[in-house]
Amino acid sequence: MIKPWIFLSNTFEVQTRGSNIKMLSLATDTDAKLMNENADPDILNLYNILNPAYNTYRQVCINYDMVEGSYGGGTLAFENLLDTLPQQLRIWESGVRAVYYEDTPEERAIFPRKRNPFNSGTYEDRLSAVGTLAASLQPIVALAATYTLVNNFYNLALSTRLAQQQGEGALGQVSVLREQQRKLVAIALFGVYGGLILKYRAEPLQVARFFDLELLRQSPAEPLGITAAGKVIDAITSNPVVNAAVKFILPDNAIITAQTDANGNFEADLGEYDDTINVMIQVSAAGYITFNEGGPVEPGEDVTVNIQLQPTPIPPMP
């Protein structure tokens, strides 16, 4: 197997895997440096590539912290965001129609109902329309820039909605959105790097002015293993629940499963990580209400989870 050319590897994505703190620091630094010099039209173009993805990432990280701290925001932030959707939609339409003229088969496949799904319906309907648009644009290389804009908006809007609702499993969903947005910021930074190389190809050392190279060069933290163990009992009788299915939902929707033994005990190896992760645990057994709970776990931590399952209520006799 031929080893990939190192210059084709996105170092910003590789060096920030598992560390949102590092990515946020890198992106904040470069965004500020580009803004400081954006009187130069070339630098302004690069700033306009990074800034939307960075601003969305920063807000998604804030929303993650809000959900993690169980602090529900009001509806105002989400409503204000949706109020900008008609304006955003015009920008997305112009990006699509610069490649596919209006009412061509390709354009109609992307906007089959024109603006209707984005301007009417429930909050969830309108948000779903944006997600569907992002999915339609993703495989079309010629519309990569428009896809990024749509996905930025979708990640921000959905994470804001989840922060407001504080629903079950919200932390896991926002964690997925945060990871998606980290990758979009890495792509934007890689594009900025390429633009700077083009601009300063005769004096490439100038490129270093725009990046925190000391932070970028830091090796990722050594991964540490996480193990989980516990016991499942009947909440009424305190008897062990045998053969209960235990499911751990990890970042990127990876799933680890386990099963309780004759004493109700279970144990699972959740893998190695170099940053805090969110773990959702789901426990189900015949005759019991399914248990769901989640929270952050540190690398190297041994997690002990003792669970009381509530028996399924018996319906009254007719």
C-alpha atoms as a PDB file:
ATOM      1  CA  MET A   1       0.000   0.000   0.000  1.00  0.00           C
ATOM      2  CA  ILE A   2       1.386   3.416  -0.997  1.00  0.00           C
ATOM      3  CA  LYS A   3       1.609   5.869   1.886  1.00  0.00           C
ATOM      4  CA  PRO A   4      -0.458   9.028   1.177  1.00  0.00           C
ATOM      5  CA  TRP A   5       1.496  12.180   0.406  1.00  0.00           C
ATOM      6  CA  ILE A   6       1.783  14.083   3.697  1.00  0.00           C
ATOM      7  CA  PHE A   7       0.823  17.401   2.086  1.00  0.00           C
ATOM      8  CA  LEU A   8      -2.562  15.933   1.173  1.00  0.00           C
ATOM      9  CA  SER A   9      -3.335  15.270   4.847  1.00  0.00           C
ATOM     10  CA  ASN A  10      -5.381  17.937   6.627  1.00  0.00           C
ATOM     11  CA  THR A  11      -3.124  18.553   9.616  1.00  0.00           C
ATOM     12  CA  PHE A  12      -5.783  20.726  11.298  1.00  0.00           C
ATOM     13  CA  GLU A  13      -8.219  17.817  11.388  1.00  0.00           C
ATOM     14  CA  VAL A  14      -5.624  15.237  12.394  1.00  0.00           C
ATOM     15  CA  GLN A  15      -4.099  17.312  15.179  1.00  0.00           C
ATOM     16  CA  THR A  16      -7.430  18.210  16.786  1.00  0.00           C
ATOM     17  CA  ARG A  17      -9.108  14.816  16.821  1.00  0.00           C
ATOM     18  CA  GLY A  18     -10.571  14.289  20.261  1.00  0.00           C
ATOM     19  CA  SER A  19      -9.741  17.831  21.403  1.00  0.00           C
ATOM     20  CA  ASN A  20     -12.343  20.517  20.834  1.00  0.00           C
ATOM     21  CA  ILE A  21     -10.398  22.830  23.149  1.00  0.00           C
ATOM     22  CA  LYS A  22      -7.406  22.667  20.827  1.00  0.00           C
ATOM     23  CA  MET A  23      -9.482  23.258  17.697  1.00  0.00           C
ATOM     24  CA  LEU A  24     -11.289  26.189  19.288  1.00  0.00           C
ATOM     25  CA  SER A  25      -7.955  27.758  20.270  1.00  0.00           C
ATOM     26  CA  LEU A  26      -6.437  27.245  16.811  1.00  0.00           C
ATOM     27  CA  ALA A  27      -9.464  28.590  14.967  1.00  0.00           C
ATOM     28  CA  THR A  28      -9.858  31.578  17.294  1.00  0.00           C
ATOM     29  CA  ASP A  29      -6.211  32.520  16.757  1.00  0.00           C
ATOM     30  CA  THR A  30      -6.295  32.271  12.963  1.00  0.00           C
ATOM     31  CA  ASP A  31      -9.684  33.992  12.691  1.00  0.00           C
ATOM     32  CA  ALA A  32      -8.375  36.968  14.688  1.00  0.00           C
ATOM     33  CA  LYS A  33      -5.179  37.197  12.626  1.00  0.00           C
ATOM     34  CA  LEU A  34      -7.076  37.130   9.351  1.00  0.00           C
ATOM     35  CA  MET A  35      -9.528  39.761  10.591  1.00  0.00           C
ATOM     36  CA  ASN A  36      -6.608  41.988  11.616  1.00  0.00           C
ATOM     37  CA  GLU A  37      -5.346  42.010   8.013  1.00  0.00           C
ATOM     38  CA  ASN A  38      -8.595  41.809   6.073  1.00  0.00           C
ATOM     39  CA  ALA A  39      -8.025  45.195   4.420  1.00  0.00           C
ATOM     40  CA  ASP A  40      -6.058  43.063   1.948  1.00  0.00           C
ATOM     41  CA  PRO A  41      -8.675  41.616  -0.471  1.00  0.00           C
ATOM     42  CA  ASP A  42      -6.876  38.258  -0.630  1.00  0.00           C
ATOM     43  CA  ILE A  43      -6.901  37.959   3.161  1.00  0.00           C
ATOM     44  CA  LEU A  44     -10.538  39.070   3.286  1.00  0.00           C
ATOM     45  CA  ASN A  45     -11.486  36.198   0.958  1.00  0.00           C
ATOM     46  CA  LEU A  46      -9.748  33.730   3.270  1.00  0.00           C
ATOM     47  CA  TYR A  47     -11.371  35.311   6.333  1.00  0.00           C
ATOM     48  CA  ASN A  48     -14.761  34.828   4.685  1.00  0.00           C
ATOM     49  CA  ILE A  49     -13.969  31.129   4.239  1.00  0.00           C
ATOM     50  CA  LEU A  50     -13.082  30.548   7.893  1.00  0.00           C
ATOM     51  CA  ASN A  51     -15.236  32.974   9.849  1.00  0.00           C
ATOM     52  CA  PRO A  52     -18.719  31.456   9.224  1.00  0.00           C
ATOM     53  CA  ALA A  53     -17.537  27.932  10.100  1.00  0.00           C
ATOM     54  CA  TYR A  54     -15.617  29.219  13.134  1.00  0.00           C
ATOM     55  CA  ASN A  55     -18.512  31.297  14.502  1.00  0.00           C
ATOM     56  CA  THR A  56     -20.856  28.332  14.181  1.00  0.00           C
ATOM     57  CA  TYR A  57     -18.362  26.011  15.867  1.00  0.00           C
ATOM     58  CA  ARG A  58     -17.888  28.414  18.759  1.00  0.00           C
ATOM     59  CA  GLN A  59     -21.648  28.651  19.325  1.00  0.00           C
ATOM     60  CA  VAL A  60     -22.135  24.879  19.034  1.00  0.00           C
ATOM     61  CA  CYS A  61     -19.449  24.447  21.722  1.00  0.00           C
ATOM     62  CA  ILE A  62     -21.331  26.940  23.910  1.00  0.00           C
ATOM     63  CA  ASN A  63     -24.571  25.026  23.332  1.00  0.00           C
ATOM     64  CA  TYR A  64     -22.798  21.792  24.278  1.00  0.00           C
ATOM     65  CA  ASP A  65     -21.660  23.360  27.558  1.00  0.00           C
ATOM     66  CA  MET A  66     -25.211  24.574  28.217  1.00  0.00           C
ATOM     67  CA  VAL A  67     -26.679  21.112  27.695  1.00  0.00           C
ATOM     68  CA  GLU A  68     -23.926  19.491  29.738  1.00  0.00           C
ATOM     69  CA  GLY A  69     -24.628  21.897  32.591  1.00  0.00           C
ATOM     70  CA  SER A  70     -28.380  21.255  32.297  1.00  0.00           C
ATOM     71  CA  TYR A  71     -28.975  24.944  31.663  1.00  0.00           C
ATOM     72  CA  GLY A  72     -31.858  25.354  29.275  1.00  0.00           C
ATOM     73  CA  GLY A  73     -31.959  28.530  27.247  1.00  0.00           C
ATOM     74  CA  GLY A  74     -35.176  30.213  26.157  1.00  0.00           C
ATOM     75  CA  THR A  75     -36.806  30.015  22.770  1.00  0.00           C
ATOM     76  CA  LEU A  76     -35.679  33.490  21.736  1.00  0.00           C
ATOM     77  CA  ALA A  77     -32.233  32.488  20.419  1.00  0.00           C
ATOM     78  CA  PHE A  78     -33.705  29.710  18.291  1.00  0.00           C
ATOM     79  CA  GLU A  79     -36.562  31.867  17.013  1.00  0.00           C
ATOM     80  CA  ASN A  80     -34.171  34.674  16.100  1.00  0.00           C
ATOM     81  CA  LEU A  81     -32.049  32.191  14.188  1.00  0.00           C
ATOM     82  CA  LEU A  82     -35.033  30.875  12.233  1.00  0.00           C
ATOM     83  CA  ASP A  83     -36.016  34.463  11.448  1.00  0.00           C
ATOM     84  CA  THR A  84     -32.818  34.692   9.371  1.00  0.00           C
ATOM     85  CA  LEU A  85     -33.697  31.575   7.366  1.00  0.00           C
ATOM     86  CA  PRO A  86     -35.367  33.432   4.430  1.00  0.00           C
ATOM     87  CA  GLN A  87     -32.237  35.564   3.993  1.00  0.00           C
ATOM     88  CA  GLN A  88     -29.965  32.525   4.250  1.00  0.00           C
ATOM     89  CA  LEU A  89     -32.132  30.657   1.761  1.00  0.00           C
ATOM     90  CA  ARG A  90     -31.608  33.348  -0.876  1.00  0.00           C
ATOM     91  CA  ILE A  91     -27.842  32.962  -0.469  1.00  0.00           C
ATOM     92  CA  TRP A  92     -28.078  29.181  -0.803  1.00  0.00           C
ATOM     93  CA  GLU A  93     -30.325  29.459  -3.860  1.00  0.00           C
ATOM     94  CA  SER A  94     -27.864  31.782  -5.584  1.00  0.00           C
ATOM     95  CA  GLY A  95     -25.037  29.320  -4.883  1.00  0.00           C
ATOM     96  CA  VAL A  96     -26.992  26.429  -6.365  1.00  0.00           C
ATOM     97  CA  ARG A  97     -28.232  28.406  -9.386  1.00  0.00           C
ATOM     98  CA  ALA A  98     -24.737  29.578 -10.204  1.00  0.00           C
ATOM     99  CA  VAL A  99     -24.130  25.917 -11.097  1.00  0.00           C
ATOM    100  CA  TYR A 100     -27.623  24.707 -12.069  1.00  0.00           C
ATOM    101  CA  TYR A 101     -30.076  27.155 -13.659  1.00  0.00           C
ATOM    102  CA  GLU A 102     -33.462  27.469 -12.000  1.00  0.00           C
ATOM    103  CA  ASP A 103     -35.954  24.748 -12.962  1.00  0.00           C
ATOM    104  CA  THR A 104     -33.345  22.469 -14.507  1.00  0.00           C
ATOM    105  CA  PRO A 105     -33.761  18.838 -13.375  1.00  0.00           C
ATOM    106  CA  GLU A 106     -30.692  19.170 -11.109  1.00  0.00           C
ATOM    107  CA  GLU A 107     -31.989  22.349  -9.466  1.00  0.00           C
ATOM    108  CA  ARG A 108     -35.493  20.932  -9.016  1.00  0.00           C
ATOM    109  CA  ALA A 109     -34.010  17.851  -7.346  1.00  0.00           C
ATOM    110  CA  ILE A 110     -32.371  20.124  -4.779  1.00  0.00           C
ATOM    111  CA  PHE A 111     -35.376  22.433  -4.286  1.00  0.00           C
ATOM    112  CA  PRO A 112     -38.367  20.221  -5.222  1.00  0.00           C
ATOM    113  CA  ARG A 113     -40.856  22.447  -3.365  1.00  0.00           C
ATOM    114  CA  LYS A 114     -39.044  25.732  -3.853  1.00  0.00           C
ATOM    115  CA  ARG A 115     -39.076  27.802  -0.638  1.00  0.00           C
ATOM    116  CA  ASN A 116     -42.221  26.318   0.910  1.00  0.00           C
ATOM    117  CA  PRO A 117     -40.583  23.791   3.304  1.00  0.00           C
ATOM    118  CA  PHE A 118     -38.279  26.491   4.695  1.00  0.00           C
ATOM    119  CA  ASN A 119     -40.932  29.153   5.237  1.00  0.00           C
ATOM    120  CA  SER A 120     -43.885  27.180   6.594  1.00  0.00           C
ATOM    121  CA  GLY A 121     -44.604  24.417   9.063  1.00  0.00           C
ATOM    122  CA  THR A 122     -43.420  23.777  12.598  1.00  0.00           C
ATOM    123  CA  TYR A 123     -39.954  24.607  13.856  1.00  0.00           C
ATOM    124  CA  GLU A 124     -39.002  20.968  13.413  1.00  0.00           C
ATOM    125  CA  ASP A 125     -40.372  20.898   9.855  1.00  0.00           C
ATOM    126  CA  ARG A 126     -38.341  23.936   8.814  1.00  0.00           C
ATOM    127  CA  LEU A 127     -35.219  22.626  10.541  1.00  0.00           C
ATOM    128  CA  SER A 128     -35.680  19.257   8.860  1.00  0.00           C
ATOM    129  CA  ALA A 129     -35.896  21.009   5.482  1.00  0.00           C
ATOM    130  CA  VAL A 130     -32.474  22.565   6.081  1.00  0.00           C
ATOM    131  CA  GLY A 131     -31.035  19.179   7.060  1.00  0.00           C
ATOM    132  CA  THR A 132     -32.490  17.593   3.932  1.00  0.00           C
ATOM    133  CA  LEU A 133     -30.990  20.358   1.785  1.00  0.00           C
ATOM    134  CA  ALA A 134     -27.563  19.793   3.348  1.00  0.00           C
ATOM    135  CA  ALA A 135     -27.810  16.070   2.639  1.00  0.00           C
ATOM    136  CA  SER A 136     -28.762  16.794  -0.991  1.00  0.00           C
ATOM    137  CA  LEU A 137     -25.808  19.115  -1.496  1.00  0.00           C
ATOM    138  CA  GLN A 138     -23.128  17.032   0.248  1.00  0.00           C
ATOM    139  CA  PRO A 139     -22.265  14.667  -2.657  1.00  0.00           C
ATOM    140  CA  ILE A 140     -22.148  17.461  -5.273  1.00  0.00           C
ATOM    141  CA  VAL A 141     -18.513  18.607  -5.485  1.00  0.00           C
ATOM    142  CA  ALA A 142     -19.369  21.755  -7.457  1.00  0.00           C
ATOM    143  CA  LEU A 143     -21.616  22.890  -4.592  1.00  0.00           C
ATOM    144  CA  ALA A 144     -19.160  22.216  -1.758  1.00  0.00           C
ATOM    145  CA  ALA A 145     -19.077  25.868  -0.660  1.00  0.00           C
ATOM    146  CA  THR A 146     -22.873  26.096  -0.533  1.00  0.00           C
ATOM    147  CA  TYR A 147     -23.069  22.785   1.319  1.00  0.00           C
ATOM    148  CA  THR A 148     -20.738  24.176   3.986  1.00  0.00           C
ATOM    149  CA  LEU A 149     -22.925  27.263   4.456  1.00  0.00           C
ATOM    150  CA  VAL A 150     -26.083  25.156   4.759  1.00  0.00           C
ATOM    151  CA  ASN A 151     -24.461  22.686   7.139  1.00  0.00           C
ATOM    152  CA  ASN A 152     -23.084  25.512   9.289  1.00  0.00           C
ATOM    153  CA  PHE A 153     -26.611  26.862   9.694  1.00  0.00           C
ATOM    154  CA  TYR A 154     -28.105  23.431  10.353  1.00  0.00           C
ATOM    155  CA  ASN A 155     -25.559  22.500  13.033  1.00  0.00           C
ATOM    156  CA  LEU A 156     -26.034  25.833  14.766  1.00  0.00           C
ATOM    157  CA  ALA A 157     -29.838  25.762  14.588  1.00  0.00           C
ATOM    158  CA  LEU A 158     -30.181  22.154  15.760  1.00  0.00           C
ATOM    159  CA  SER A 159     -27.697  22.551  18.626  1.00  0.00           C
ATOM    160  CA  THR A 160     -29.517  25.736  19.726  1.00  0.00           C
ATOM    161  CA  ARG A 161     -32.840  23.895  19.604  1.00  0.00           C
ATOM    162  CA  LEU A 162     -31.443  21.036  21.689  1.00  0.00           C
ATOM    163  CA  ALA A 163     -29.949  23.460  24.215  1.00  0.00           C
ATOM    164  CA  GLN A 164     -33.373  25.033  24.561  1.00  0.00           C
ATOM    165  CA  GLN A 165     -35.303  21.774  24.856  1.00  0.00           C
ATOM    166  CA  GLN A 166     -32.921  19.905  27.179  1.00  0.00           C
ATOM    167  CA  GLY A 167     -34.539  16.686  25.991  1.00  0.00           C
ATOM    168  CA  GLU A 168     -33.406  13.151  26.677  1.00  0.00           C
ATOM    169  CA  GLY A 169     -30.249  12.348  24.760  1.00  0.00           C
ATOM    170  CA  ALA A 170     -29.627  16.020  23.880  1.00  0.00           C
ATOM    171  CA  LEU A 171     -26.010  15.947  25.040  1.00  0.00           C
ATOM    172  CA  GLY A 172     -25.185  13.038  22.762  1.00  0.00           C
ATOM    173  CA  GLN A 173     -26.804  14.754  19.776  1.00  0.00           C
ATOM    174  CA  VAL A 174     -25.015  18.056  20.383  1.00  0.00           C
ATOM    175  CA  SER A 175     -21.762  16.114  20.790  1.00  0.00           C
ATOM    176  CA  VAL A 176     -22.255  14.690  17.278  1.00  0.00           C
ATOM    177  CA  LEU A 177     -22.996  18.170  15.894  1.00  0.00           C
ATOM    178  CA  ARG A 178     -19.902  19.572  17.585  1.00  0.00           C
ATOM    179  CA  GLU A 179     -17.736  16.889  15.996  1.00  0.00           C
ATOM    180  CA  GLN A 180     -19.244  17.554  12.564  1.00  0.00           C
ATOM    181  CA  GLN A 181     -18.554  21.255  12.941  1.00  0.00           C
ATOM    182  CA  ARG A 182     -14.972  20.619  14.110  1.00  0.00           C
ATOM    183  CA  LYS A 183     -14.364  18.849  10.804  1.00  0.00           C
ATOM    184  CA  LEU A 184     -15.916  21.734   8.845  1.00  0.00           C
ATOM    185  CA  VAL A 185     -13.603  24.176  10.614  1.00  0.00           C
ATOM    186  CA  ALA A 186     -10.633  21.922   9.807  1.00  0.00           C
ATOM    187  CA  ILE A 187     -11.616  21.995   6.129  1.00  0.00           C
ATOM    188  CA  ALA A 188     -11.909  25.787   6.262  1.00  0.00           C
ATOM    189  CA  LEU A 189      -8.492  26.113   7.922  1.00  0.00           C
ATOM    190  CA  PHE A 190      -6.992  23.828   5.287  1.00  0.00           C
ATOM    191  CA  GLY A 191      -8.475  26.085   2.612  1.00  0.00           C
ATOM    192  CA  VAL A 192      -7.030  29.155   4.337  1.00  0.00           C
ATOM    193  CA  TYR A 193      -3.637  27.460   4.452  1.00  0.00           C
ATOM    194  CA  GLY A 194      -3.831  26.710   0.718  1.00  0.00           C
ATOM    195  CA  GLY A 195      -4.807  30.295  -0.066  1.00  0.00           C
ATOM    196  CA  LEU A 196      -1.943  31.647   1.996  1.00  0.00           C
ATOM    197  CA  ILE A 197       0.517  29.296   0.266  1.00  0.00           C
ATOM    198  CA  LEU A 198      -0.675  30.639  -3.084  1.00  0.00           C
ATOM    199  CA  LYS A 199      -0.414  34.259  -1.955  1.00  0.00           C
ATOM    200  CA  TYR A 200       2.990  33.905  -0.319  1.00  0.00           C
ATOM    201  CA  ARG A 201       4.475  31.223  -2.586  1.00  0.00           C
ATOM    202  CA  ALA A 202       7.592  33.370  -3.079  1.00  0.00           C
ATOM    203  CA  GLU A 203       8.021  33.892   0.682  1.00  0.00           C
ATOM    204  CA  PRO A 204       6.251  30.932   2.398  1.00  0.00           C
ATOM    205  CA  LEU A 205       7.489  31.850   5.886  1.00  0.00           C
ATOM    206  CA  GLN A 206       4.809  34.550   5.852  1.00  0.00           C
ATOM    207  CA  VAL A 207       2.196  31.820   6.159  1.00  0.00           C
ATOM    208  CA  ALA A 208       3.356  31.013   9.700  1.00  0.00           C
ATOM    209  CA  ARG A 209       2.101  34.417  10.885  1.00  0.00           C
ATOM    210  CA  PHE A 210      -1.481  33.205  10.620  1.00  0.00           C
ATOM    211  CA  PHE A 211      -1.283  30.009  12.702  1.00  0.00           C
ATOM    212  CA  ASP A 212      -0.381  29.061  16.263  1.00  0.00           C
ATOM    213  CA  LEU A 213       2.260  26.564  15.168  1.00  0.00           C
ATOM    214  CA  GLU A 214       3.343  25.721  18.713  1.00  0.00           C
ATOM    215  CA  LEU A 215      -0.178  24.575  19.573  1.00  0.00           C
ATOM    216  CA  LEU A 216      -0.643  22.890  16.198  1.00  0.00           C
ATOM    217  CA  ARG A 217       2.551  20.865  16.623  1.00  0.00           C
ATOM    218  CA  GLN A 218       1.657  19.593  20.085  1.00  0.00           C
ATOM    219  CA  SER A 219       1.193  15.858  20.015  1.00  0.00           C
ATOM    220  CA  PRO A 220      -2.296  14.666  20.880  1.00  0.00           C
ATOM    221  CA  ALA A 221      -2.659  13.434  24.436  1.00  0.00           C
ATOM    222  CA  GLU A 222      -1.947   9.754  24.989  1.00  0.00           C
ATOM    223  CA  PRO A 223      -5.216   7.827  24.729  1.00  0.00           C
ATOM    224  CA  LEU A 224      -6.440   6.262  27.961  1.00  0.00           C
ATOM    225  CA  GLY A 225      -8.901   3.420  28.337  1.00  0.00           C
ATOM    226  CA  ILE A 226     -12.381   3.755  29.807  1.00  0.00           C
ATOM    227  CA  THR A 227     -14.128   0.836  31.454  1.00  0.00           C
ATOM    228  CA  ALA A 228     -17.687   0.676  32.731  1.00  0.00           C
ATOM    229  CA  ALA A 229     -19.170  -1.734  35.234  1.00  0.00           C
ATOM    230  CA  GLY A 230     -22.206  -1.918  37.451  1.00  0.00           C
ATOM    231  CA  LYS A 231     -25.248  -3.804  38.597  1.00  0.00           C
ATOM    232  CA  VAL A 232     -28.877  -3.804  37.481  1.00  0.00           C
ATOM    233  CA  ILE A 233     -31.577  -4.514  40.063  1.00  0.00           C
ATOM    234  CA  ASP A 234     -35.365  -4.427  40.309  1.00  0.00           C
ATOM    235  CA  ALA A 235     -36.347  -1.039  41.799  1.00  0.00           C
ATOM    236  CA  ILE A 236     -39.142  -2.658  43.855  1.00  0.00           C
ATOM    237  CA  THR A 237     -37.665  -5.942  45.073  1.00  0.00           C
ATOM    238  CA  SER A 238     -33.925  -5.109  44.805  1.00  0.00           C
ATOM    239  CA  ASN A 239     -33.432  -8.494  43.131  1.00  0.00           C
ATOM    240  CA  PRO A 240     -30.815  -8.641  40.346  1.00  0.00           C
ATOM    241  CA  VAL A 241     -32.145  -8.366  36.804  1.00  0.00           C
ATOM    242  CA  VAL A 242     -30.627 -11.210  34.778  1.00  0.00           C
ATOM    243  CA  ASN A 243     -29.855 -10.967  31.036  1.00  0.00           C
ATOM    244  CA  ALA A 244     -30.619  -7.260  30.846  1.00  0.00           C
ATOM    245  CA  ALA A 245     -29.275  -5.676  27.639  1.00  0.00           C
ATOM    246  CA  VAL A 246     -26.817  -2.853  28.378  1.00  0.00           C
ATOM    247  CA  LYS A 247     -25.947  -0.482  25.531  1.00  0.00           C
ATOM    248  CA  PHE A 248     -23.316   2.277  25.604  1.00  0.00           C
ATOM    249  CA  ILE A 249     -23.652   4.926  22.883  1.00  0.00           C
ATOM    250  CA  LEU A 250     -20.324   6.675  22.257  1.00  0.00           C
ATOM    251  CA  PRO A 251     -19.162   9.581  20.041  1.00  0.00           C
ATOM    252  CA  ASP A 252     -19.918   9.170  16.312  1.00  0.00           C
ATOM    253  CA  ASN A 253     -22.773   6.838  17.399  1.00  0.00           C
ATOM    254  CA  ALA A 254     -20.411   3.929  18.109  1.00  0.00           C
ATOM    255  CA  ILE A 255     -22.149   1.303  20.263  1.00  0.00           C
ATOM    256  CA  ILE A 256     -20.726  -1.107  22.862  1.00  0.00           C
ATOM    257  CA  THR A 257     -23.034  -3.749  24.309  1.00  0.00           C
ATOM    258  CA  ALA A 258     -22.987  -5.921  27.411  1.00  0.00           C
ATOM    259  CA  GLN A 259     -25.365  -8.214  29.290  1.00  0.00           C
ATOM    260  CA  THR A 260     -25.992  -8.733  32.985  1.00  0.00           C
ATOM    261  CA  ASP A 261     -25.020 -12.068  34.541  1.00  0.00           C
ATOM    262  CA  ALA A 262     -26.851 -14.175  37.126  1.00  0.00           C
ATOM    263  CA  ASN A 263     -26.078 -11.568  39.797  1.00  0.00           C
ATOM    264  CA  GLY A 264     -27.161  -8.602  37.663  1.00  0.00           C
ATOM    265  CA  ASN A 265     -23.574  -7.473  37.087  1.00  0.00           C
ATOM    266  CA  PHE A 266     -22.123  -6.195  33.809  1.00  0.00           C
ATOM    267  CA  GLU A 267     -18.796  -4.869  32.539  1.00  0.00           C
ATOM    268  CA  ALA A 268     -17.670  -3.277  29.271  1.00  0.00           C
ATOM    269  CA  ASP A 269     -14.518  -1.847  27.706  1.00  0.00           C
ATOM    270  CA  LEU A 270     -15.454   1.444  26.039  1.00  0.00           C
ATOM    271  CA  GLY A 271     -12.132   1.974  24.236  1.00  0.00           C
ATOM    272  CA  GLU A 272      -9.338   4.547  24.471  1.00  0.00           C
ATOM    273  CA  TYR A 273      -9.758   8.332  24.280  1.00  0.00           C
ATOM    274  CA  ASP A 274      -7.600  11.415  24.751  1.00  0.00           C
ATOM    275  CA  ASP A 275     -10.390  13.863  25.637  1.00  0.00           C
ATOM    276  CA  THR A 276     -13.629  13.953  27.581  1.00  0.00           C
ATOM    277  CA  ILE A 277     -16.401  12.063  25.809  1.00  0.00           C
ATOM    278  CA  ASN A 278     -20.130  11.869  26.303  1.00  0.00           C
ATOM    279  CA  VAL A 279     -21.476   8.381  27.033  1.00  0.00           C
ATOM    280  CA  MET A 280     -25.148   7.458  26.874  1.00  0.00           C
ATOM    281  CA  ILE A 281     -26.214   4.237  28.611  1.00  0.00           C
ATOM    282  CA  GLN A 282     -29.411   2.386  27.787  1.00  0.00           C
ATOM    283  CA  VAL A 283     -30.589  -0.660  29.760  1.00  0.00           C
ATOM    284  CA  SER A 284     -33.579  -2.754  28.761  1.00  0.00           C
ATOM    285  CA  ALA A 285     -35.122  -6.009  29.994  1.00  0.00           C
ATOM    286  CA  ALA A 286     -38.418  -7.810  29.511  1.00  0.00           C
ATOM    287  CA  GLY A 287     -41.033  -6.517  31.937  1.00  0.00           C
ATOM    288  CA  TYR A 288     -39.187  -3.275  32.725  1.00  0.00           C
ATOM    289  CA  ILE A 289     -39.197   0.338  31.564  1.00  0.00           C
ATOM    290  CA  THR A 290     -36.077   1.072  29.521  1.00  0.00           C
ATOM    291  CA  PHE A 291     -33.486   3.135  31.385  1.00  0.00           C
ATOM    292  CA  ASN A 292     -31.666   5.997  29.605  1.00  0.00           C
ATOM    293  CA  GLU A 293     -29.022   8.286  31.050  1.00  0.00           C
ATOM    294  CA  GLY A 294     -25.840  10.018  29.909  1.00  0.00           C
ATOM    295  CA  GLY A 295     -23.010  12.278  30.864  1.00  0.00           C
ATOM    296  CA  PRO A 296     -19.359  13.200  30.308  1.00  0.00           C
ATOM    297  CA  VAL A 297     -16.597  10.673  31.064  1.00  0.00           C
ATOM    298  CA  GLU A 298     -12.874  11.415  31.411  1.00  0.00           C
ATOM    299  CA  PRO A 299     -10.154   9.296  29.727  1.00  0.00           C
ATOM    300  CA  GLY A 300      -8.782   6.700  32.120  1.00  0.00           C
ATOM    301  CA  GLU A 301     -11.916   6.824  34.259  1.00  0.00           C
ATOM    302  CA  ASP A 302     -13.493   3.661  35.629  1.00  0.00           C
ATOM    303  CA  VAL A 303     -17.226   4.238  35.441  1.00  0.00           C
ATOM    304  CA  THR A 304     -19.501   2.549  37.972  1.00  0.00           C
ATOM    305  CA  VAL A 305     -23.181   2.562  37.072  1.00  0.00           C
ATOM    306  CA  ASN A 306     -25.696   0.925  39.406  1.00  0.00           C
ATOM    307  CA  ILE A 307     -29.154   0.943  37.891  1.00  0.00           C
ATOM    308  CA  GLN A 308     -32.630   0.347  39.283  1.00  0.00           C
ATOM    309  CA  LEU A 309     -35.135  -0.717  36.636  1.00  0.00           C
ATOM    310  CA  GLN A 310     -38.773   0.152  37.163  1.00  0.00           C
ATOM    311  CA  PRO A 311     -41.165  -2.696  36.367  1.00  0.00           C
ATOM    312  CA  THR A 312     -43.615  -2.005  33.549  1.00  0.00           C
ATOM    313  CA  PRO A 313     -46.962  -0.973  35.081  1.00  0.00           C
ATOM    314  CA  ILE A 314     -49.684  -3.609  34.814  1.00  0.00           C
ATOM    315  CA  PRO A 315     -52.757  -2.167  33.069  1.00  0.00           C
ATOM    316  CA  PRO A 316     -55.936  -2.226  35.141  1.00  0.00           C
ATOM    317  CA  MET A 317     -58.480  -4.945  34.506  1.00  0.00           C
ATOM    318  CA  PRO A 318     -61.292  -3.871  32.171  1.00  0.00           C
END
